[in-house]
N, C-alpha and C. Protein backbone atom coordinates (compact mmCIF):
# COMPACT_ATOMS: atom_id res chain seq x y z
N MET A 1 -43.45 -69.38 22.37
CA MET A 1 -43.50 -67.98 22.25
C MET A 1 -42.41 -67.51 21.32
N ARG A 2 -42.89 -66.72 20.45
CA ARG A 2 -41.99 -66.24 19.44
C ARG A 2 -41.74 -64.75 19.64
N VAL A 3 -40.46 -64.38 19.70
CA VAL A 3 -40.12 -62.99 19.92
C VAL A 3 -39.64 -62.40 18.59
N HIS A 4 -40.28 -61.39 18.25
CA HIS A 4 -39.84 -60.67 17.03
C HIS A 4 -39.10 -59.41 17.44
N SER A 5 -37.95 -59.36 16.91
CA SER A 5 -37.24 -58.11 17.17
C SER A 5 -37.24 -57.28 15.90
N ARG A 6 -37.57 -56.13 16.07
CA ARG A 6 -37.63 -55.21 14.93
C ARG A 6 -36.75 -54.00 15.22
N ILE A 7 -36.00 -53.68 14.20
CA ILE A 7 -35.20 -52.47 14.28
C ILE A 7 -35.90 -51.43 13.41
N THR A 8 -36.27 -50.38 14.03
CA THR A 8 -36.95 -49.34 13.27
C THR A 8 -36.10 -48.08 13.27
N ALA A 9 -36.13 -47.40 12.16
CA ALA A 9 -35.35 -46.15 12.02
C ALA A 9 -36.12 -45.01 12.67
N ASN A 10 -35.40 -44.20 13.31
CA ASN A 10 -36.00 -43.04 13.93
C ASN A 10 -36.14 -41.95 12.88
N LYS A 11 -37.32 -41.63 12.51
CA LYS A 11 -37.59 -40.64 11.46
C LYS A 11 -37.73 -39.23 12.02
N ASN A 12 -37.56 -39.06 13.31
CA ASN A 12 -37.78 -37.76 13.92
C ASN A 12 -36.52 -36.91 14.02
N GLY A 13 -35.32 -37.41 13.79
CA GLY A 13 -34.11 -36.64 13.99
C GLY A 13 -33.04 -37.00 12.97
N TYR A 14 -31.87 -36.37 13.15
CA TYR A 14 -30.74 -36.61 12.27
C TYR A 14 -29.74 -37.52 12.97
N THR A 15 -29.07 -38.30 12.16
CA THR A 15 -28.00 -39.13 12.72
C THR A 15 -26.72 -38.33 12.69
N LEU A 16 -25.72 -38.83 13.37
CA LEU A 16 -24.43 -38.17 13.39
C LEU A 16 -23.83 -38.10 11.99
N VAL A 17 -23.96 -39.12 11.19
CA VAL A 17 -23.43 -39.15 9.83
C VAL A 17 -24.11 -38.08 8.97
N GLU A 18 -25.43 -37.98 9.09
CA GLU A 18 -26.15 -36.96 8.33
C GLU A 18 -25.70 -35.56 8.73
N SER A 19 -25.48 -35.36 10.01
CA SER A 19 -25.01 -34.05 10.48
C SER A 19 -23.63 -33.73 9.93
N MET A 20 -22.73 -34.72 9.92
CA MET A 20 -21.37 -34.51 9.40
C MET A 20 -21.41 -34.20 7.90
N ILE A 21 -22.25 -34.87 7.16
CA ILE A 21 -22.37 -34.61 5.72
C ILE A 21 -22.91 -33.20 5.48
N ALA A 22 -23.92 -32.81 6.23
CA ALA A 22 -24.50 -31.47 6.08
C ALA A 22 -23.47 -30.39 6.42
N LEU A 23 -22.70 -30.63 7.48
CA LEU A 23 -21.66 -29.68 7.87
C LEU A 23 -20.59 -29.57 6.79
N GLY A 24 -20.19 -30.69 6.21
CA GLY A 24 -19.20 -30.69 5.13
C GLY A 24 -19.69 -29.92 3.92
N VAL A 25 -20.94 -30.13 3.54
CA VAL A 25 -21.52 -29.41 2.40
C VAL A 25 -21.56 -27.91 2.70
N LEU A 26 -21.93 -27.55 3.91
CA LEU A 26 -21.98 -26.15 4.30
C LEU A 26 -20.59 -25.51 4.23
N ILE A 27 -19.57 -26.18 4.71
CA ILE A 27 -18.20 -25.65 4.68
C ILE A 27 -17.72 -25.46 3.25
N VAL A 28 -17.94 -26.46 2.40
CA VAL A 28 -17.51 -26.36 1.00
C VAL A 28 -18.25 -25.22 0.30
N THR A 29 -19.55 -25.08 0.55
CA THR A 29 -20.33 -24.01 -0.07
C THR A 29 -19.83 -22.63 0.39
N ALA A 30 -19.57 -22.48 1.69
CA ALA A 30 -19.08 -21.21 2.20
C ALA A 30 -17.72 -20.87 1.59
N PHE A 31 -16.85 -21.86 1.45
CA PHE A 31 -15.53 -21.65 0.85
C PHE A 31 -15.67 -21.20 -0.60
N MET A 32 -16.55 -21.84 -1.35
CA MET A 32 -16.74 -21.50 -2.76
C MET A 32 -17.32 -20.08 -2.90
N ILE A 33 -18.24 -19.71 -2.06
CA ILE A 33 -18.82 -18.36 -2.11
C ILE A 33 -17.75 -17.32 -1.79
N THR A 34 -16.91 -17.61 -0.79
CA THR A 34 -15.83 -16.69 -0.43
C THR A 34 -14.88 -16.50 -1.61
N LEU A 35 -14.50 -17.58 -2.27
CA LEU A 35 -13.62 -17.47 -3.44
C LEU A 35 -14.27 -16.65 -4.55
N LEU A 36 -15.55 -16.88 -4.78
CA LEU A 36 -16.26 -16.17 -5.84
C LEU A 36 -16.32 -14.67 -5.53
N LEU A 37 -16.66 -14.32 -4.29
CA LEU A 37 -16.75 -12.91 -3.92
C LEU A 37 -15.39 -12.23 -3.97
N THR A 38 -14.33 -12.93 -3.54
CA THR A 38 -12.98 -12.37 -3.58
C THR A 38 -12.58 -12.08 -5.03
N HIS A 39 -12.91 -12.98 -5.92
CA HIS A 39 -12.56 -12.80 -7.32
C HIS A 39 -13.34 -11.66 -7.96
N LEU A 40 -14.57 -11.45 -7.53
CA LEU A 40 -15.40 -10.41 -8.13
C LEU A 40 -15.10 -9.02 -7.59
N GLN A 41 -14.45 -8.94 -6.44
CA GLN A 41 -14.13 -7.64 -5.87
C GLN A 41 -13.12 -6.91 -6.74
N LYS A 42 -13.10 -5.59 -6.58
CA LYS A 42 -12.14 -4.77 -7.32
C LYS A 42 -10.72 -5.22 -6.98
N GLN A 43 -9.91 -5.35 -8.00
CA GLN A 43 -8.53 -5.77 -7.79
C GLN A 43 -7.77 -4.69 -7.04
N PRO A 44 -6.91 -5.06 -6.13
CA PRO A 44 -6.16 -4.07 -5.36
C PRO A 44 -5.18 -3.31 -6.26
N GLN A 45 -4.76 -2.14 -5.77
CA GLN A 45 -3.78 -1.36 -6.51
C GLN A 45 -2.49 -2.15 -6.61
N SER A 46 -1.70 -1.79 -7.60
CA SER A 46 -0.41 -2.45 -7.73
C SER A 46 0.49 -2.04 -6.58
N ILE A 47 1.47 -2.84 -6.32
CA ILE A 47 2.43 -2.54 -5.26
C ILE A 47 3.13 -1.23 -5.57
N GLN A 48 3.42 -0.97 -6.84
CA GLN A 48 4.09 0.26 -7.24
C GLN A 48 3.26 1.48 -6.87
N SER A 49 1.96 1.44 -7.14
CA SER A 49 1.14 2.61 -6.84
C SER A 49 0.97 2.79 -5.34
N GLU A 50 0.92 1.70 -4.58
CA GLU A 50 0.84 1.80 -3.12
C GLU A 50 2.13 2.39 -2.57
N GLU A 51 3.27 1.95 -3.11
CA GLU A 51 4.57 2.46 -2.67
C GLU A 51 4.69 3.95 -2.99
N THR A 52 4.23 4.35 -4.17
CA THR A 52 4.28 5.75 -4.57
C THR A 52 3.38 6.60 -3.67
N ALA A 53 2.18 6.11 -3.37
CA ALA A 53 1.27 6.85 -2.49
C ALA A 53 1.87 7.01 -1.10
N LEU A 54 2.51 5.97 -0.60
CA LEU A 54 3.16 6.06 0.71
C LEU A 54 4.31 7.07 0.67
N PHE A 55 5.08 7.06 -0.42
CA PHE A 55 6.17 8.02 -0.59
C PHE A 55 5.64 9.45 -0.53
N PHE A 56 4.58 9.73 -1.29
CA PHE A 56 4.01 11.07 -1.31
C PHE A 56 3.49 11.48 0.08
N SER A 57 2.90 10.56 0.78
CA SER A 57 2.40 10.85 2.12
C SER A 57 3.54 11.21 3.07
N MET A 58 4.59 10.41 3.06
CA MET A 58 5.72 10.63 3.97
C MET A 58 6.50 11.89 3.61
N ILE A 59 6.75 12.10 2.32
CA ILE A 59 7.52 13.27 1.91
C ILE A 59 6.72 14.55 2.14
N GLY A 60 5.40 14.46 2.01
CA GLY A 60 4.55 15.62 2.28
C GLY A 60 4.68 16.08 3.72
N LYS A 61 4.70 15.13 4.63
CA LYS A 61 4.86 15.46 6.05
C LYS A 61 6.22 16.14 6.28
N GLU A 62 7.26 15.60 5.65
CA GLU A 62 8.60 16.18 5.81
C GLU A 62 8.64 17.61 5.27
N ILE A 63 8.03 17.84 4.12
CA ILE A 63 8.04 19.18 3.50
C ILE A 63 7.26 20.17 4.35
N ARG A 64 6.07 19.78 4.80
CA ARG A 64 5.23 20.70 5.57
C ARG A 64 5.89 21.12 6.88
N GLU A 65 6.66 20.22 7.49
CA GLU A 65 7.28 20.52 8.78
C GLU A 65 8.72 21.03 8.67
N ALA A 66 9.21 21.21 7.45
CA ALA A 66 10.61 21.59 7.24
C ALA A 66 10.88 23.04 7.64
N ALA A 67 12.11 23.27 8.06
CA ALA A 67 12.56 24.65 8.29
C ALA A 67 12.87 25.31 6.95
N ALA A 68 13.37 24.53 5.98
CA ALA A 68 13.66 25.05 4.64
C ALA A 68 13.58 23.90 3.64
N VAL A 69 13.17 24.23 2.43
CA VAL A 69 13.10 23.26 1.33
C VAL A 69 13.81 23.86 0.14
N GLU A 70 14.66 23.06 -0.50
CA GLU A 70 15.41 23.55 -1.65
C GLU A 70 15.44 22.47 -2.72
N VAL A 71 15.34 22.89 -3.97
CA VAL A 71 15.44 21.99 -5.11
C VAL A 71 16.72 22.32 -5.85
N LYS A 72 17.61 21.32 -5.99
CA LYS A 72 18.86 21.49 -6.74
C LYS A 72 19.10 20.25 -7.58
N ASN A 73 19.42 20.45 -8.84
CA ASN A 73 19.76 19.34 -9.74
C ASN A 73 18.73 18.22 -9.70
N ASN A 74 17.46 18.59 -9.72
CA ASN A 74 16.35 17.65 -9.72
C ASN A 74 16.35 16.76 -8.46
N ALA A 75 16.84 17.28 -7.37
CA ALA A 75 16.81 16.58 -6.08
C ALA A 75 16.16 17.50 -5.06
N LEU A 76 15.55 16.91 -4.06
CA LEU A 76 14.86 17.67 -3.03
C LEU A 76 15.67 17.63 -1.75
N PHE A 77 15.95 18.80 -1.19
CA PHE A 77 16.70 18.92 0.06
C PHE A 77 15.81 19.58 1.10
N ILE A 78 15.62 18.90 2.20
CA ILE A 78 14.75 19.37 3.27
C ILE A 78 15.61 19.60 4.51
N THR A 79 15.63 20.81 5.00
CA THR A 79 16.38 21.13 6.22
C THR A 79 15.41 21.09 7.40
N LEU A 80 15.73 20.26 8.36
CA LEU A 80 14.90 20.13 9.56
C LEU A 80 15.25 21.21 10.56
N SER A 81 14.42 21.39 11.56
CA SER A 81 14.68 22.39 12.60
C SER A 81 15.92 22.02 13.42
N THR A 82 16.33 20.75 13.37
CA THR A 82 17.55 20.31 14.08
C THR A 82 18.81 20.65 13.31
N GLY A 83 18.65 21.10 12.05
CA GLY A 83 19.80 21.42 11.22
C GLY A 83 20.19 20.28 10.28
N GLU A 84 19.62 19.10 10.48
CA GLU A 84 19.90 17.98 9.57
C GLU A 84 19.29 18.28 8.20
N VAL A 85 19.99 17.84 7.16
CA VAL A 85 19.49 18.01 5.80
C VAL A 85 19.17 16.63 5.24
N ILE A 86 17.90 16.46 4.89
CA ILE A 86 17.43 15.21 4.28
C ILE A 86 17.35 15.44 2.78
N SER A 87 17.91 14.51 2.01
CA SER A 87 17.82 14.64 0.56
C SER A 87 17.07 13.45 -0.02
N PHE A 88 16.29 13.72 -1.05
CA PHE A 88 15.59 12.69 -1.81
C PHE A 88 16.08 12.80 -3.25
N THR A 89 16.71 11.76 -3.73
CA THR A 89 17.27 11.76 -5.08
C THR A 89 16.95 10.45 -5.78
N ARG A 90 16.99 10.51 -7.12
CA ARG A 90 16.86 9.27 -7.88
C ARG A 90 18.25 8.67 -8.01
N TYR A 91 18.35 7.40 -7.68
CA TYR A 91 19.62 6.67 -7.76
C TYR A 91 19.33 5.39 -8.53
N HIS A 92 19.76 5.33 -9.78
CA HIS A 92 19.40 4.25 -10.71
C HIS A 92 17.88 4.22 -10.82
N SER A 93 17.24 3.13 -10.43
CA SER A 93 15.78 3.05 -10.54
C SER A 93 15.11 3.21 -9.18
N LEU A 94 15.80 3.83 -8.24
CA LEU A 94 15.29 4.00 -6.88
C LEU A 94 15.15 5.47 -6.54
N ILE A 95 14.27 5.77 -5.60
CA ILE A 95 14.28 7.07 -4.94
C ILE A 95 14.82 6.78 -3.54
N ARG A 96 15.92 7.46 -3.22
CA ARG A 96 16.54 7.19 -1.93
C ARG A 96 16.55 8.43 -1.07
N LYS A 97 16.57 8.17 0.22
CA LYS A 97 16.65 9.23 1.22
C LYS A 97 18.01 9.14 1.89
N GLN A 98 18.65 10.29 2.05
CA GLN A 98 19.91 10.37 2.78
C GLN A 98 19.80 11.50 3.80
N VAL A 99 20.46 11.32 4.93
CA VAL A 99 20.49 12.34 5.96
C VAL A 99 21.92 12.88 6.03
N ASP A 100 22.06 14.17 5.81
CA ASP A 100 23.37 14.82 5.78
C ASP A 100 24.33 14.12 4.81
N GLY A 101 23.79 13.66 3.68
CA GLY A 101 24.61 13.01 2.66
C GLY A 101 25.02 11.59 2.97
N LEU A 102 24.53 11.04 4.07
CA LEU A 102 24.91 9.69 4.48
C LEU A 102 23.71 8.76 4.40
N GLY A 103 24.00 7.49 4.24
CA GLY A 103 22.95 6.47 4.22
C GLY A 103 22.38 6.25 2.83
N HIS A 104 21.51 5.28 2.77
CA HIS A 104 20.89 4.91 1.50
C HIS A 104 19.58 4.19 1.82
N GLU A 105 18.58 4.97 2.21
CA GLU A 105 17.28 4.40 2.56
C GLU A 105 16.38 4.46 1.33
N VAL A 106 15.98 3.30 0.82
CA VAL A 106 15.15 3.22 -0.39
C VAL A 106 13.70 3.52 -0.02
N TRP A 107 13.12 4.51 -0.71
CA TRP A 107 11.73 4.88 -0.46
C TRP A 107 10.80 4.41 -1.58
N VAL A 108 11.28 4.37 -2.82
CA VAL A 108 10.47 3.90 -3.95
C VAL A 108 11.38 3.14 -4.90
N GLN A 109 10.87 2.07 -5.48
CA GLN A 109 11.63 1.26 -6.43
C GLN A 109 11.01 1.35 -7.82
N ASN A 110 11.74 0.89 -8.81
CA ASN A 110 11.27 0.80 -10.21
C ASN A 110 10.82 2.15 -10.77
N ILE A 111 11.64 3.17 -10.54
CA ILE A 111 11.33 4.51 -11.02
C ILE A 111 12.20 4.83 -12.23
N GLN A 112 11.55 5.32 -13.26
CA GLN A 112 12.26 5.72 -14.47
C GLN A 112 12.74 7.17 -14.36
N GLU A 113 11.89 8.01 -13.76
CA GLU A 113 12.24 9.43 -13.67
C GLU A 113 11.59 10.06 -12.44
N MET A 114 12.33 11.00 -11.83
CA MET A 114 11.79 11.84 -10.76
C MET A 114 12.02 13.28 -11.17
N LYS A 115 10.97 14.08 -11.10
CA LYS A 115 11.09 15.50 -11.45
C LYS A 115 10.60 16.31 -10.25
N VAL A 116 11.45 17.19 -9.76
CA VAL A 116 11.12 18.03 -8.62
C VAL A 116 11.17 19.48 -9.07
N GLU A 117 10.09 20.23 -8.82
CA GLU A 117 10.02 21.64 -9.20
C GLU A 117 9.63 22.47 -7.99
N GLU A 118 10.37 23.53 -7.76
CA GLU A 118 10.01 24.45 -6.69
C GLU A 118 9.27 25.62 -7.32
N ILE A 119 8.06 25.86 -6.86
CA ILE A 119 7.25 26.95 -7.37
C ILE A 119 7.09 27.93 -6.22
N GLN A 120 7.60 29.11 -6.39
CA GLN A 120 7.68 30.12 -5.34
C GLN A 120 8.55 29.57 -4.21
N ASP A 121 8.40 30.11 -3.02
CA ASP A 121 9.23 29.67 -1.92
C ASP A 121 8.60 28.55 -1.10
N SER A 122 7.30 28.37 -1.23
CA SER A 122 6.64 27.46 -0.31
C SER A 122 5.92 26.29 -0.97
N PHE A 123 5.99 26.16 -2.28
CA PHE A 123 5.26 25.11 -2.98
C PHE A 123 6.22 24.27 -3.81
N VAL A 124 6.10 22.94 -3.69
CA VAL A 124 6.97 22.00 -4.42
C VAL A 124 6.11 20.98 -5.14
N ASN A 125 6.40 20.75 -6.42
CA ASN A 125 5.76 19.69 -7.20
C ASN A 125 6.75 18.54 -7.35
N VAL A 126 6.28 17.31 -7.09
CA VAL A 126 7.09 16.12 -7.28
C VAL A 126 6.35 15.20 -8.24
N THR A 127 7.04 14.78 -9.30
CA THR A 127 6.46 13.87 -10.29
C THR A 127 7.34 12.63 -10.39
N LEU A 128 6.72 11.46 -10.27
CA LEU A 128 7.42 10.19 -10.42
C LEU A 128 6.86 9.46 -11.63
N THR A 129 7.75 8.91 -12.45
CA THR A 129 7.34 8.09 -13.58
C THR A 129 7.95 6.71 -13.37
N ASP A 130 7.10 5.67 -13.35
CA ASP A 130 7.63 4.33 -13.11
C ASP A 130 8.10 3.69 -14.41
N LYS A 131 8.62 2.48 -14.32
CA LYS A 131 9.20 1.79 -15.48
C LYS A 131 8.18 1.52 -16.57
N GLU A 132 6.89 1.47 -16.20
CA GLU A 132 5.84 1.21 -17.18
C GLU A 132 5.29 2.49 -17.80
N GLY A 133 5.85 3.64 -17.39
CA GLY A 133 5.42 4.91 -17.95
C GLY A 133 4.28 5.57 -17.20
N ASN A 134 3.81 4.97 -16.10
CA ASN A 134 2.75 5.59 -15.29
C ASN A 134 3.33 6.76 -14.52
N GLU A 135 2.61 7.87 -14.57
CA GLU A 135 3.10 9.10 -13.93
C GLU A 135 2.21 9.44 -12.73
N ALA A 136 2.86 9.79 -11.64
CA ALA A 136 2.14 10.25 -10.45
C ALA A 136 2.73 11.59 -10.04
N ARG A 137 1.85 12.56 -9.79
CA ARG A 137 2.31 13.91 -9.46
C ARG A 137 1.58 14.39 -8.22
N ARG A 138 2.31 15.08 -7.38
CA ARG A 138 1.71 15.64 -6.17
C ARG A 138 2.37 16.97 -5.86
N GLY A 139 1.59 17.91 -5.39
CA GLY A 139 2.10 19.21 -4.99
C GLY A 139 2.05 19.34 -3.48
N PHE A 140 3.06 20.02 -2.91
CA PHE A 140 3.15 20.16 -1.45
C PHE A 140 3.39 21.62 -1.10
N ARG A 141 2.75 22.06 -0.02
CA ARG A 141 2.94 23.41 0.50
C ARG A 141 3.47 23.31 1.91
N ARG A 142 4.49 24.12 2.19
CA ARG A 142 5.06 24.12 3.54
C ARG A 142 4.12 24.83 4.50
N MET A 143 4.08 24.37 5.73
CA MET A 143 3.25 24.99 6.78
C MET A 143 3.82 26.34 7.15
N GLY A 144 2.94 27.29 7.42
CA GLY A 144 3.37 28.60 7.87
C GLY A 144 3.96 29.49 6.79
N HIS A 145 3.82 29.07 5.52
CA HIS A 145 4.34 29.88 4.40
C HIS A 145 3.20 30.16 3.44
N GLU A 146 3.30 31.26 2.75
CA GLU A 146 2.23 31.62 1.81
C GLU A 146 2.76 31.74 0.43
């Protein structure tokens, strides 16, 4: 009696190796698509413009809630209801915040020029020009004033 042993491949399913290869190809493809889509998306704003936008947002809140706002020597002085005076001035290439003339909190960097204009009693224009010559301007109105 002769016994024949035959090894036959199972054609009905996947082997573990085939599954691992398919998973690897899927991961590489997903990674490449993610890179491609990231590259094609609109480039984010520069750090300078984000910093300037944040500055305008924060200073706007301070101006609107101020008890008094004064512009002297191209600097902005905001008097709070507590009596503290916050100043925003250009110091070298920075815009800094000081409270009652003390401290040195940097709010914006790489600034070539800051121009502050008071229009009437309740409206203030602030213009920042960065080192590359880009200009950003924003106007602010105090709350409860006309």
